[in-house]
Amino acid sequence: MAKKKLKKKTASKAKSAKRIDQMADPVLNSARDIVRAGLGALAVAQKEGGKIREQGSALFEKLVAEGAKLEKEGKQSAEESAASVRKGVSGMRDELESRLDAARKQAEDRWDKLESVFEERVARVMAGLGVPSSDDVSKLTSQVETLARQVAQLSGERPAAKAAAKKPAPARKKAKRKAKRTAKRASGKAARTAASKIASPRGEVVFHLVPKDKDWAITREGADGDLGVHGTKAEALEAARKAAQAAEPSRLVVHKADGTIQASYNYGDA
């Protein structure tokens, strides 16, 4: 009896184990499939990941190449723009300098023409008034110098010997200097006389700026002596202008170093 019960228990246990195995097999199979699927996914992921890395590397290199190309084109465009700007600025500067040179030359030509016309008109007016020209005064000066030499010769101041001719005596040197001063005074006097021939309004005071030895003197027609003597012509001219302006209506006649007339200035209602 006991053996039968034991057999029944053993058979029952075997059936239970078989049922458990039958129930566990699907679970184990599913677990294996899941593990296998995971391993397959991992393998696929690794394989696709390599492709993605390769594609990403290729894409990065392509982007770098495109960026370098764009940078090169931008740099070239910037250099071309800068060169164009520099060329434009240089062209504008050259054109401006050319225009300035042309304007300066035109102004100089007009000034020269105006000065020439002024001198020509002044010479024409002075000729119409009977004022001798600088050539006439120069001829007169030459004649005075010739006359002075003849006077010196007639006075008996001749060399007594050849040695004396090589080395002039002090008296002869003094006579020559005196003759030169006489000729210079004569030429200055002739120029002042010629200037006084210009028609002047009644009551006008006439001043002269004339050379005197190495200095410059200011004289006044109708007055004895010099009004002033200056070491330079500029100082004398300034003083003469002030004197003429203080005595308006007046006229100032400026002479050159050779005694000829250089210019004439009117002050006041003259």
Foldseek 3Di string as FASTA:
>chain_A
DVVVVVVVVVVVVVVVVVVVCVVCVVVVVVVVVVVVVVVVVVVVCVVVVVVVVVVVVVVVVVVVVVVVVVVVVVVVVVVVVVVVVVVVVVVVVVVVVVVVVVVVVVVVVVVVVVVVVVVVVVVVVLVVLVQDAPVVLVVQLVVLLVVLVVVVVVVVLDQPDVVCVVPPDPVVVVSNVVSNQVSQVVSLVSQVVSVVSPDDDPPAKEWEWADDVQWIFIDTPPDPDTPDIGNDSVVVVVVNVVVCQVRPQYKYWYADHSNHTDDMDGYHPD
